[in-house]
Amino acid sequence: MSSQASEVLVDVVGSTMIITLNRAAKRNAVNRSMAETIADALDRLDETRHLATGVITGAGGNFCAGMDLTEFVRGIRPSLPGRGFAGVTERARRSH
């Protein structure tokens, strides 16, 4: 089952959630909307009992080039309060 915005694809296969950064043309550089979508997916991973594992991967042969510098120069950061860069670096997974 795929969901979310096209910049981030979220699939569930059995008990695993696969989060795919899907901006291959930008080497999967993370922007603010991607960070929000990733954080939402990780919240869903935490809240769904049958999901045991989460995997973050990148489309197009690249994992992630880091932050989207186009947004950075405009003052937009892909960091969320309490979640950090891309919604993943500051908070550990909550256990069930």
PDB file of N, CA and C in Angstrom:
ATOM      1  N   MET A   1       0.849  -1.176   0.000  1.00  0.00           N
ATOM      2  CA  MET A   1       0.000   0.000   0.000  1.00  0.00           C
ATOM      3  C   MET A   1       0.888   1.231   0.000  1.00  0.00           C
ATOM      4  N   SER A   2       0.839   2.069  -1.011  1.00  0.00           N
ATOM      5  CA  SER A   2       1.603   3.310  -1.068  1.00  0.00           C
ATOM      6  C   SER A   2       0.732   4.470  -0.625  1.00  0.00           C
ATOM      7  N   SER A   3       1.373   5.444   0.001  1.00  0.00           N
ATOM      8  CA  SER A   3       0.640   6.633   0.426  1.00  0.00           C
ATOM      9  C   SER A   3       1.587   7.817   0.473  1.00  0.00           C
ATOM     10  N   GLN A   4       1.092   8.941   0.945  1.00  0.00           N
ATOM     11  CA  GLN A   4       1.845  10.169   1.150  1.00  0.00           C
ATOM     12  C   GLN A   4       2.114  10.884  -0.169  1.00  0.00           C
ATOM     13  N   ALA A   5       2.825  11.993  -0.084  1.00  0.00           N
ATOM     14  CA  ALA A   5       3.162  12.792  -1.255  1.00  0.00           C
ATOM     15  C   ALA A   5       4.160  12.036  -2.125  1.00  0.00           C
ATOM     16  N   SER A   6       4.233  12.400  -3.393  1.00  0.00           N
ATOM     17  CA  SER A   6       5.109  11.685  -4.311  1.00  0.00           C
ATOM     18  C   SER A   6       6.584  11.863  -3.981  1.00  0.00           C
ATOM     19  N   GLU A   7       6.964  12.887  -3.212  1.00  0.00           N
ATOM     20  CA  GLU A   7       8.368  13.062  -2.828  1.00  0.00           C
ATOM     21  C   GLU A   7       8.817  12.017  -1.807  1.00  0.00           C
ATOM     22  N   VAL A   8       7.869  11.436  -1.105  1.00  0.00           N
ATOM     23  CA  VAL A   8       8.146  10.374  -0.145  1.00  0.00           C
ATOM     24  C   VAL A   8       7.084   9.300  -0.339  1.00  0.00           C
ATOM     25  N   LEU A   9       7.536   8.082  -0.579  1.00  0.00           N
ATOM     26  CA  LEU A   9       6.614   6.956  -0.738  1.00  0.00           C
ATOM     27  C   LEU A   9       6.664   6.118   0.532  1.00  0.00           C
ATOM     28  N   VAL A  10       5.512   5.705   1.002  1.00  0.00           N
ATOM     29  CA  VAL A  10       5.437   4.875   2.199  1.00  0.00           C
ATOM     30  C   VAL A  10       4.695   3.600   1.836  1.00  0.00           C
ATOM     31  N   ASP A  11       5.371   2.476   2.016  1.00  0.00           N
ATOM     32  CA  ASP A  11       4.791   1.168   1.720  1.00  0.00           C
ATOM     33  C   ASP A  11       4.888   0.304   2.960  1.00  0.00           C
ATOM     34  N   VAL A  12       3.922  -0.561   3.143  1.00  0.00           N
ATOM     35  CA  VAL A  12       3.956  -1.540   4.222  1.00  0.00           C
ATOM     36  C   VAL A  12       3.986  -2.916   3.573  1.00  0.00           C
ATOM     37  N   VAL A  13       5.001  -3.682   3.931  1.00  0.00           N
ATOM     38  CA  VAL A  13       5.156  -5.052   3.449  1.00  0.00           C
ATOM     39  C   VAL A  13       5.260  -5.935   4.684  1.00  0.00           C
ATOM     40  N   GLY A  14       4.204  -6.671   4.954  1.00  0.00           N
ATOM     41  CA  GLY A  14       4.177  -7.486   6.166  1.00  0.00           C
ATOM     42  C   GLY A  14       4.251  -6.592   7.397  1.00  0.00           C
ATOM     43  N   SER A  15       5.272  -6.793   8.209  1.00  0.00           N
ATOM     44  CA  SER A  15       5.437  -5.990   9.432  1.00  0.00           C
ATOM     45  C   SER A  15       6.499  -4.909   9.274  1.00  0.00           C
ATOM     46  N   THR A  16       6.858  -4.594   8.019  1.00  0.00           N
ATOM     47  CA  THR A  16       7.902  -3.601   7.745  1.00  0.00           C
ATOM     48  C   THR A  16       7.336  -2.403   6.992  1.00  0.00           C
ATOM     49  N   MET A  17       7.648  -1.215   7.473  1.00  0.00           N
ATOM     50  CA  MET A  17       7.313   0.014   6.759  1.00  0.00           C
ATOM     51  C   MET A  17       8.549   0.450   5.982  1.00  0.00           C
ATOM     52  N   ILE A  18       8.374   0.687   4.683  1.00  0.00           N
ATOM     53  CA  ILE A  18       9.462   1.145   3.831  1.00  0.00           C
ATOM     54  C   ILE A  18       9.162   2.581   3.426  1.00  0.00           C
ATOM     55  N   ILE A  19      10.052   3.485   3.803  1.00  0.00           N
ATOM     56  CA  ILE A  19       9.916   4.908   3.481  1.00  0.00           C
ATOM     57  C   ILE A  19      10.969   5.211   2.415  1.00  0.00           C
ATOM     58  N   THR A  20      10.509   5.615   1.230  1.00  0.00           N
ATOM     59  CA  THR A  20      11.421   5.874   0.119  1.00  0.00           C
ATOM     60  C   THR A  20      11.461   7.355  -0.196  1.00  0.00           C
ATOM     61  N   LEU A  21      12.639   7.955  -0.089  1.00  0.00           N
ATOM     62  CA  LEU A  21      12.838   9.336  -0.519  1.00  0.00           C
ATOM     63  C   LEU A  21      12.785   9.299  -2.044  1.00  0.00           C
ATOM     64  N   ASN A  22      11.890  10.103  -2.630  1.00  0.00           N
ATOM     65  CA  ASN A  22      11.579   9.956  -4.040  1.00  0.00           C
ATOM     66  C   ASN A  22      11.788  11.252  -4.824  1.00  0.00           C
ATOM     67  N   ARG A  23      12.973  11.824  -4.669  1.00  0.00           N
ATOM     68  CA  ARG A  23      13.351  13.007  -5.456  1.00  0.00           C
ATOM     69  C   ARG A  23      14.669  12.710  -6.157  1.00  0.00           C
ATOM     70  N   ALA A  24      14.685  11.682  -6.961  1.00  0.00           N
ATOM     71  CA  ALA A  24      15.927  11.223  -7.587  1.00  0.00           C
ATOM     72  C   ALA A  24      16.635  12.330  -8.368  1.00  0.00           C
ATOM     73  N   ALA A  25      15.873  13.194  -9.030  1.00  0.00           N
ATOM     74  CA  ALA A  25      16.473  14.280  -9.815  1.00  0.00           C
ATOM     75  C   ALA A  25      17.247  15.260  -8.925  1.00  0.00           C
ATOM     76  N   LYS A  26      16.880  15.315  -7.650  1.00  0.00           N
ATOM     77  CA  LYS A  26      17.561  16.190  -6.676  1.00  0.00           C
ATOM     78  C   LYS A  26      18.439  15.369  -5.737  1.00  0.00           C
ATOM     79  N   ARG A  27      18.753  14.129  -6.137  1.00  0.00           N
ATOM     80  CA  ARG A  27      19.546  13.194  -5.325  1.00  0.00           C
ATOM     81  C   ARG A  27      18.933  12.998  -3.941  1.00  0.00           C
ATOM     82  N   ASN A  28      17.593  13.070  -3.920  1.00  0.00           N
ATOM     83  CA  ASN A  28      16.800  12.849  -2.711  1.00  0.00           C
ATOM     84  C   ASN A  28      17.126  13.829  -1.586  1.00  0.00           C
ATOM     85  N   ALA A  29      17.542  15.037  -1.958  1.00  0.00           N
ATOM     86  CA  ALA A  29      17.778  16.079  -0.959  1.00  0.00           C
ATOM     87  C   ALA A  29      16.464  16.368  -0.235  1.00  0.00           C
ATOM     88  N   VAL A  30      16.521  16.445   1.083  1.00  0.00           N
ATOM     89  CA  VAL A  30      15.315  16.570   1.905  1.00  0.00           C
ATOM     90  C   VAL A  30      14.883  18.021   2.026  1.00  0.00           C
ATOM     91  N   ASN A  31      13.610  18.276   1.727  1.00  0.00           N
ATOM     92  CA  ASN A  31      13.028  19.599   1.952  1.00  0.00           C
ATOM     93  C   ASN A  31      12.052  19.508   3.136  1.00  0.00           C
ATOM     94  N   ARG A  32      11.472  20.627   3.503  1.00  0.00           N
ATOM     95  CA  ARG A  32      10.595  20.672   4.680  1.00  0.00           C
ATOM     96  C   ARG A  32       9.384  19.739   4.544  1.00  0.00           C
ATOM     97  N   SER A  33       8.744  19.738   3.377  1.00  0.00           N
ATOM     98  CA  SER A  33       7.559  18.891   3.224  1.00  0.00           C
ATOM     99  C   SER A  33       7.923  17.414   3.327  1.00  0.00           C
ATOM    100  N   MET A  34       9.095  17.034   2.836  1.00  0.00           N
ATOM    101  CA  MET A  34       9.541  15.648   2.987  1.00  0.00           C
ATOM    102  C   MET A  34       9.758  15.310   4.457  1.00  0.00           C
ATOM    103  N   ALA A  35      10.391  16.219   5.200  1.00  0.00           N
ATOM    104  CA  ALA A  35      10.629  15.984   6.623  1.00  0.00           C
ATOM    105  C   ALA A  35       9.315  15.765   7.359  1.00  0.00           C
ATOM    106  N   GLU A  36       8.309  16.568   7.026  1.00  0.00           N
ATOM    107  CA  GLU A  36       6.997  16.417   7.668  1.00  0.00           C
ATOM    108  C   GLU A  36       6.356  15.075   7.320  1.00  0.00           C
ATOM    109  N   THR A  37       6.481  14.656   6.066  1.00  0.00           N
ATOM    110  CA  THR A  37       5.908  13.377   5.645  1.00  0.00           C
ATOM    111  C   THR A  37       6.636  12.210   6.299  1.00  0.00           C
ATOM    112  N   ILE A  38       7.954  12.293   6.381  1.00  0.00           N
ATOM    113  CA  ILE A  38       8.737  11.245   7.042  1.00  0.00           C
ATOM    114  C   ILE A  38       8.346  11.153   8.509  1.00  0.00           C
ATOM    115  N   ALA A  39       8.241  12.293   9.195  1.00  0.00           N
ATOM    116  CA  ALA A  39       7.845  12.291  10.609  1.00  0.00           C
ATOM    117  C   ALA A  39       6.460  11.677  10.786  1.00  0.00           C
ATOM    118  N   ASP A  40       5.531  12.014   9.903  1.00  0.00           N
ATOM    119  CA  ASP A  40       4.183  11.421   9.973  1.00  0.00           C
ATOM    120  C   ASP A  40       4.247   9.903   9.805  1.00  0.00           C
ATOM    121  N   ALA A  41       5.066   9.440   8.862  1.00  0.00           N
ATOM    122  CA  ALA A  41       5.197   7.999   8.644  1.00  0.00           C
ATOM    123  C   ALA A  41       5.798   7.322   9.869  1.00  0.00           C
ATOM    124  N   LEU A  42       6.800   7.950  10.485  1.00  0.00           N
ATOM    125  CA  LEU A  42       7.412   7.367  11.680  1.00  0.00           C
ATOM    126  C   LEU A  42       6.441   7.350  12.854  1.00  0.00           C
ATOM    127  N   ASP A  43       5.584   8.372  12.954  1.00  0.00           N
ATOM    128  CA  ASP A  43       4.536   8.340  13.980  1.00  0.00           C
ATOM    129  C   ASP A  43       3.603   7.154  13.745  1.00  0.00           C
ATOM    130  N   ARG A  44       3.259   6.931  12.480  1.00  0.00           N
ATOM    131  CA  ARG A  44       2.396   5.790  12.136  1.00  0.00           C
ATOM    132  C   ARG A  44       3.091   4.468  12.478  1.00  0.00           C
ATOM    133  N   LEU A  45       4.384   4.393  12.214  1.00  0.00           N
ATOM    134  CA  LEU A  45       5.158   3.204  12.568  1.00  0.00           C
ATOM    135  C   LEU A  45       5.093   2.960  14.077  1.00  0.00           C
ATOM    136  N   ASP A  46       5.264   4.018  14.866  1.00  0.00           N
ATOM    137  CA  ASP A  46       5.193   3.904  16.328  1.00  0.00           C
ATOM    138  C   ASP A  46       3.820   3.452  16.803  1.00  0.00           C
ATOM    139  N   GLU A  47       2.779   3.920  16.153  1.00  0.00           N
ATOM    140  CA  GLU A  47       1.408   3.699  16.631  1.00  0.00           C
ATOM    141  C   GLU A  47       0.769   2.399  16.130  1.00  0.00           C
ATOM    142  N   THR A  48       1.382   1.753  15.161  1.00  0.00           N
ATOM    143  CA  THR A  48       0.778   0.565  14.557  1.00  0.00           C
ATOM    144  C   THR A  48       1.454  -0.682  15.109  1.00  0.00           C
ATOM    145  N   ARG A  49       0.714  -1.411  15.924  1.00  0.00           N
ATOM    146  CA  ARG A  49       1.287  -2.553  16.644  1.00  0.00           C
ATOM    147  C   ARG A  49       1.904  -3.622  15.756  1.00  0.00           C
ATOM    148  N   HIS A  50       1.314  -3.911  14.618  1.00  0.00           N
ATOM    149  CA  HIS A  50       1.857  -4.994  13.794  1.00  0.00           C
ATOM    150  C   HIS A  50       3.119  -4.601  13.028  1.00  0.00           C
ATOM    151  N   LEU A  51       3.470  -3.315  13.026  1.00  0.00           N
ATOM    152  CA  LEU A  51       4.694  -2.888  12.342  1.00  0.00           C
ATOM    153  C   LEU A  51       5.874  -3.002  13.308  1.00  0.00           C
ATOM    154  N   ALA A  52       6.847  -3.800  12.930  1.00  0.00           N
ATOM    155  CA  ALA A  52       7.997  -4.060  13.795  1.00  0.00           C
ATOM    156  C   ALA A  52       9.255  -3.324  13.356  1.00  0.00           C
ATOM    157  N   THR A  53       9.340  -2.982  12.070  1.00  0.00           N
ATOM    158  CA  THR A  53      10.569  -2.445  11.509  1.00  0.00           C
ATOM    159  C   THR A  53      10.264  -1.324  10.532  1.00  0.00           C
ATOM    160  N   GLY A  54      11.154  -0.348  10.498  1.00  0.00           N
ATOM    161  CA  GLY A  54      11.078   0.703   9.501  1.00  0.00           C
ATOM    162  C   GLY A  54      12.388   0.792   8.742  1.00  0.00           C
ATOM    163  N   VAL A  55      12.298   1.002   7.435  1.00  0.00           N
ATOM    164  CA  VAL A  55      13.477   1.133   6.581  1.00  0.00           C
ATOM    165  C   VAL A  55      13.325   2.431   5.799  1.00  0.00           C
ATOM    166  N   ILE A  56      14.373   3.248   5.800  1.00  0.00           N
ATOM    167  CA  ILE A  56      14.377   4.457   4.975  1.00  0.00           C
ATOM    168  C   ILE A  56      15.385   4.227   3.856  1.00  0.00           C
ATOM    169  N   THR A  57      14.936   4.443   2.624  1.00  0.00           N
ATOM    170  CA  THR A  57      15.772   4.218   1.450  1.00  0.00           C
ATOM    171  C   THR A  57      15.589   5.375   0.471  1.00  0.00           C
ATOM    172  N   GLY A  58      16.383   5.396  -0.576  1.00  0.00           N
ATOM    173  CA  GLY A  58      16.279   6.451  -1.570  1.00  0.00           C
ATOM    174  C   GLY A  58      16.068   5.891  -2.962  1.00  0.00           C
ATOM    175  N   ALA A  59      15.326   6.609  -3.769  1.00  0.00           N
ATOM    176  CA  ALA A  59      15.060   6.217  -5.156  1.00  0.00           C
ATOM    177  C   ALA A  59      16.205   6.680  -6.062  1.00  0.00           C
ATOM    178  N   GLY A  60      16.337   6.022  -7.187  1.00  0.00           N
ATOM    179  CA  GLY A  60      17.249   6.484  -8.229  1.00  0.00           C
ATOM    180  C   GLY A  60      18.725   6.263  -7.981  1.00  0.00           C
ATOM    181  N   GLY A  61      19.084   5.336  -7.118  1.00  0.00           N
ATOM    182  CA  GLY A  61      20.496   5.025  -6.917  1.00  0.00           C
ATOM    183  C   GLY A  61      21.220   5.885  -5.901  1.00  0.00           C
ATOM    184  N   ASN A  62      20.527   6.832  -5.286  1.00  0.00           N
ATOM    185  CA  ASN A  62      21.122   7.666  -4.238  1.00  0.00           C
ATOM    186  C   ASN A  62      20.284   7.546  -2.984  1.00  0.00           C
ATOM    187  N   PHE A  63      20.945   7.537  -1.830  1.00  0.00           N
ATOM    188  CA  PHE A  63      20.160   7.542  -0.603  1.00  0.00           C
ATOM    189  C   PHE A  63      19.654   8.953  -0.347  1.00  0.00           C
ATOM    190  N   CYS A  64      20.543   9.878   0.000  1.00  0.00           N
ATOM    191  CA  CYS A  64      20.119  11.247   0.321  1.00  0.00           C
ATOM    192  C   CYS A  64      21.326  12.168   0.273  1.00  0.00           C
ATOM    193  N   ALA A  65      21.206  13.247  -0.481  1.00  0.00           N
ATOM    194  CA  ALA A  65      22.291  14.212  -0.599  1.00  0.00           C
ATOM    195  C   ALA A  65      22.339  15.179   0.581  1.00  0.00           C
ATOM    196  N   GLY A  66      21.411  15.038   1.533  1.00  0.00           N
ATOM    197  CA  GLY A  66      21.349  15.959   2.669  1.00  0.00           C
ATOM    198  C   GLY A  66      20.170  16.893   2.529  1.00  0.00           C
ATOM    199  N   MET A  67      20.337  18.111   3.024  1.00  0.00           N
ATOM    200  CA  MET A  67      19.222  19.055   2.951  1.00  0.00           C
ATOM    201  C   MET A  67      19.157  19.729   1.590  1.00  0.00           C
ATOM    202  N   ASP A  68      17.968  20.121   1.198  1.00  0.00           N
ATOM    203  CA  ASP A  68      17.736  20.828  -0.056  1.00  0.00           C
ATOM    204  C   ASP A  68      18.294  22.243   0.094  1.00  0.00           C
ATOM    205  N   LEU A  69      19.406  22.519  -0.559  1.00  0.00           N
ATOM    206  CA  LEU A  69      20.074  23.811  -0.417  1.00  0.00           C
ATOM    207  C   LEU A  69      19.278  24.959  -1.036  1.00  0.00           C
ATOM    208  N   THR A  70      18.418  24.665  -2.004  1.00  0.00           N
ATOM    209  CA  THR A  70      17.561  25.698  -2.582  1.00  0.00           C
ATOM    210  C   THR A  70      16.643  26.278  -1.509  1.00  0.00           C
ATOM    211  N   GLU A  71      16.069  25.409  -0.683  1.00  0.00           N
ATOM    212  CA  GLU A  71      15.231  25.878   0.421  1.00  0.00           C
ATOM    213  C   GLU A  71      16.080  26.505   1.522  1.00  0.00           C
ATOM    214  N   PHE A  72      17.250  25.956   1.782  1.00  0.00           N
ATOM    215  CA  PHE A  72      18.139  26.463   2.830  1.00  0.00           C
ATOM    216  C   PHE A  72      18.448  27.948   2.614  1.00  0.00           C
ATOM    217  N   VAL A  73      18.784  28.331   1.385  1.00  0.00           N
ATOM    218  CA  VAL A  73      19.122  29.729   1.123  1.00  0.00           C
ATOM    219  C   VAL A  73      17.903  30.651   1.263  1.00  0.00           C
ATOM    220  N   ARG A  74      16.699  30.073   1.205  1.00  0.00           N
ATOM    221  CA  ARG A  74      15.477  30.856   1.415  1.00  0.00           C
ATOM    222  C   ARG A  74      15.059  30.844   2.885  1.00  0.00           C
ATOM    223  N   GLY A  75      15.872  30.209   3.734  1.00  0.00           N
ATOM    224  CA  GLY A  75      15.587  30.188   5.168  1.00  0.00           C
ATOM    225  C   GLY A  75      14.660  29.061   5.609  1.00  0.00           C
ATOM    226  N   ILE A  76      14.406  28.108   4.743  1.00  0.00           N
ATOM    227  CA  ILE A  76      13.523  26.986   5.074  1.00  0.00           C
ATOM    228  C   ILE A  76      14.389  25.778   5.411  1.00  0.00           C
ATOM    229  N   ARG A  77      14.235  25.279   6.623  1.00  0.00           N
ATOM    230  CA  ARG A  77      15.040  24.147   7.081  1.00  0.00           C
ATOM    231  C   ARG A  77      14.195  22.874   7.162  1.00  0.00           C
ATOM    232  N   PRO A  78      14.764  21.729   6.780  1.00  0.00           N
ATOM    233  CA  PRO A  78      14.046  20.464   6.876  1.00  0.00           C
ATOM    234  C   PRO A  78      14.217  19.823   8.258  1.00  0.00           C
ATOM    235  N   SER A  79      14.099  20.640   9.276  1.00  0.00           N
ATOM    236  CA  SER A  79      14.255  20.178  10.649  1.00  0.00           C
ATOM    237  C   SER A  79      12.974  20.492  11.402  1.00  0.00           C
ATOM    238  N   LEU A  80      12.511  19.527  12.183  1.00  0.00           N
ATOM    239  CA  LEU A  80      11.254  19.682  12.911  1.00  0.00           C
ATOM    240  C   LEU A  80      11.526  19.706  14.408  1.00  0.00           C
ATOM    241  N   PRO A  81      10.823  20.551  15.161  1.00  0.00           N
ATOM    242  CA  PRO A  81      11.001  20.604  16.608  1.00  0.00           C
ATOM    243  C   PRO A  81      10.796  19.228  17.249  1.00  0.00           C
ATOM    244  N   GLY A  82      11.765  18.813  18.026  1.00  0.00           N
ATOM    245  CA  GLY A  82      11.684  17.527  18.701  1.00  0.00           C
ATOM    246  C   GLY A  82      11.990  16.331  17.821  1.00  0.00           C
ATOM    247  N   ARG A  83      12.126  16.549  16.528  1.00  0.00           N
ATOM    248  CA  ARG A  83      12.394  15.457  15.576  1.00  0.00           C
ATOM    249  C   ARG A  83      13.743  15.619  14.890  1.00  0.00           C
ATOM    250  N   GLY A  84      14.202  16.853  14.700  1.00  0.00           N
ATOM    251  CA  GLY A  84      15.480  17.095  14.043  1.00  0.00           C
ATOM    252  C   GLY A  84      15.418  16.994  12.535  1.00  0.00           C
ATOM    253  N   PHE A  85      16.621  16.872  11.931  1.00  0.00           N
ATOM    254  CA  PHE A  85      16.748  16.819  10.476  1.00  0.00           C
ATOM    255  C   PHE A  85      15.914  15.678   9.904  1.00  0.00           C
ATOM    256  N   ALA A  86      15.151  15.999   8.876  1.00  0.00           N
ATOM    257  CA  ALA A  86      14.325  15.052   8.131  1.00  0.00           C
ATOM    258  C   ALA A  86      13.298  14.332   9.002  1.00  0.00           C
ATOM    259  N   GLY A  87      13.098  14.843  10.228  1.00  0.00           N
ATOM    260  CA  GLY A  87      12.126  14.220  11.121  1.00  0.00           C
ATOM    261  C   GLY A  87      12.633  12.964  11.803  1.00  0.00           C
ATOM    262  N   VAL A  88      13.972  12.714  11.742  1.00  0.00           N
ATOM    263  CA  VAL A  88      14.483  11.442  12.255  1.00  0.00           C
ATOM    264  C   VAL A  88      15.637  11.519  13.245  1.00  0.00           C
ATOM    265  N   THR A  89      16.303  12.634  13.395  1.00  0.00           N
ATOM    266  CA  THR A  89      17.591  12.606  14.115  1.00  0.00           C
ATOM    267  C   THR A  89      17.537  12.886  15.602  1.00  0.00           C
ATOM    268  N   GLU A  90      16.420  13.353  16.132  1.00  0.00           N
ATOM    269  CA  GLU A  90      16.399  13.722  17.545  1.00  0.00           C
ATOM    270  C   GLU A  90      15.493  12.877  18.429  1.00  0.00           C
ATOM    271  N   ARG A  91      14.689  12.019  17.870  1.00  0.00           N
ATOM    272  CA  ARG A  91      13.769  11.252  18.698  1.00  0.00           C
ATOM    273  C   ARG A  91      13.875   9.765  18.382  1.00  0.00           C
ATOM    274  N   ALA A  92      14.039   8.981  19.420  1.00  0.00           N
ATOM    275  CA  ALA A  92      14.087   7.532  19.247  1.00  0.00           C
ATOM    276  C   ALA A  92      12.675   6.998  19.027  1.00  0.00           C
ATOM    277  N   ARG A  93      12.590   5.812  18.484  1.00  0.00           N
ATOM    278  CA  ARG A  93      11.301   5.163  18.286  1.00  0.00           C
ATOM    279  C   ARG A  93      10.675   4.848  19.634  1.00  0.00           C
ATOM    280  N   ARG A  94       9.398   5.115  19.727  1.00  0.00           N
ATOM    281  CA  ARG A  94       8.648   4.732  20.921  1.00  0.00           C
ATOM    282  C   ARG A  94       8.349   3.248  20.836  1.00  0.00           C
ATOM    283  N   SER A  95       8.504   2.557  21.944  1.00  0.00           N
ATOM    284  CA  SER A  95       8.198   1.123  21.925  1.00  0.00           C
ATOM    285  C   SER A  95       6.713   0.914  22.176  1.00  0.00           C
ATOM    286  N   HIS A  96       6.210  -0.208  21.732  1.00  0.00           N
ATOM    287  CA  HIS A  96       4.786  -0.552  21.881  1.00  0.00           C
ATOM    288  C   HIS A  96       4.505  -0.923  23.309  1.00  0.00           C
TER     289      HIS A  96
END
